[in-house]
Amino acid sequence: MKSIRINPEAEQALRENRPVVALESTIISHGMPYPQNVETALHVEEIVREHGGVPATIGIIDGVGVVGMNKEEIEEFGKRGMSIPKVSRRDLPVIMATGSWGATTVATTMIIADMGGVGFFVTGGIGGVHRGAETTFDVSADLEELARTDVTVICAGAKAILDLPKTLEVLETKGVPVLGFQTHELPAFYTRKSGLKVDYEVRDYEEAAKIVKAKREMGLSGGILIANPIPEEYSMPEEEINAVIEKATAEMEEKGIRGKECTPFLLARIAEITEGKSLASNIRLVYNNAAVGTEIAKAYCGLK
């Protein structure tokens, strides 16, 4: 059984030590409606190219992990939407064996990127420790993957719907370096600040790349998380978004929603309550992460 296939353009770029940047597919199938999902995904790829990188959108098609979906495949992902299941580490054997389609989460994007030799991955925000995890034990597999898979993840922090202090504690326990790109504070997805400190502030692309290289040369397993704040002009007022999150969380608990359905419900409900403002911020932070992540990957390829 063939586990993965790599887009020829990405494969050639890897051979030539040019920057290849992985992108996830859950944001296409579960992040927003068609055709906005496809338009957003293709624009993120354009941003990667504008900054000198090769985009590799990752998904599972007919039981094969694809490192670098083409436009037709991205279009099909967008049309099928939420009928494509979200796939995390535990789901991979079933999806592969049954020849199914799957939308890759942060965890599975990291796994398949690593299998294909892609060491940098751009996303919106990682999963983490959910609020109330002390009773539900709901902790995202993303954190475990960051602890074991050697892929650097550039994002706008953990999703604001999560328990951010506990998420940072788990990352510390797992030995995952959390770097802030030109910030000493962990961004909170929709907002630039959380009141929580990162492990280290990196000042520029080359400094971030050197840290990634040092970790890999030491043979330390696991990835690095580089938290890149949403641009100021797209940041939402902290009090406003926190109130919305509290309201959406209360509704989720009333409905008895649990497990991997929590995040899609909360993000969709928050978008409804904010009349689309949160989704617009989400898209803008992904664009910003794509630019910064590609520049870091490019700097890494340029290191001696």
Foldseek 3Di string as FASTA:
>chain_A
DAAADEDPVVLVCVVVLWAEEEEFFLCQQQVDAPPVSLVLVVVLQVLLVVLRYGYFYWWAAQLYIYGRDDSVVSRVSRVCHPVAEADAPVCNVVCNVRRHIHTYALRVSLVVCVVSVHAEYEAAAHFAAAPPCVPVVAGDCNLVSQLAGRHEYEYQYHALRGDRVRRVVSNVVSVAAEEEEQDQARGHRLAGHDPHGGPYYDDALLSVLVVSVVCVVVVRGGYYYYHYHQDPVLRDPPVVLVVLSVVQVVVCVVVVDDDPVVVSSSSVSSCVVVVNSSSVSSSRRSSVRSNRRSSNSRSNSVDD
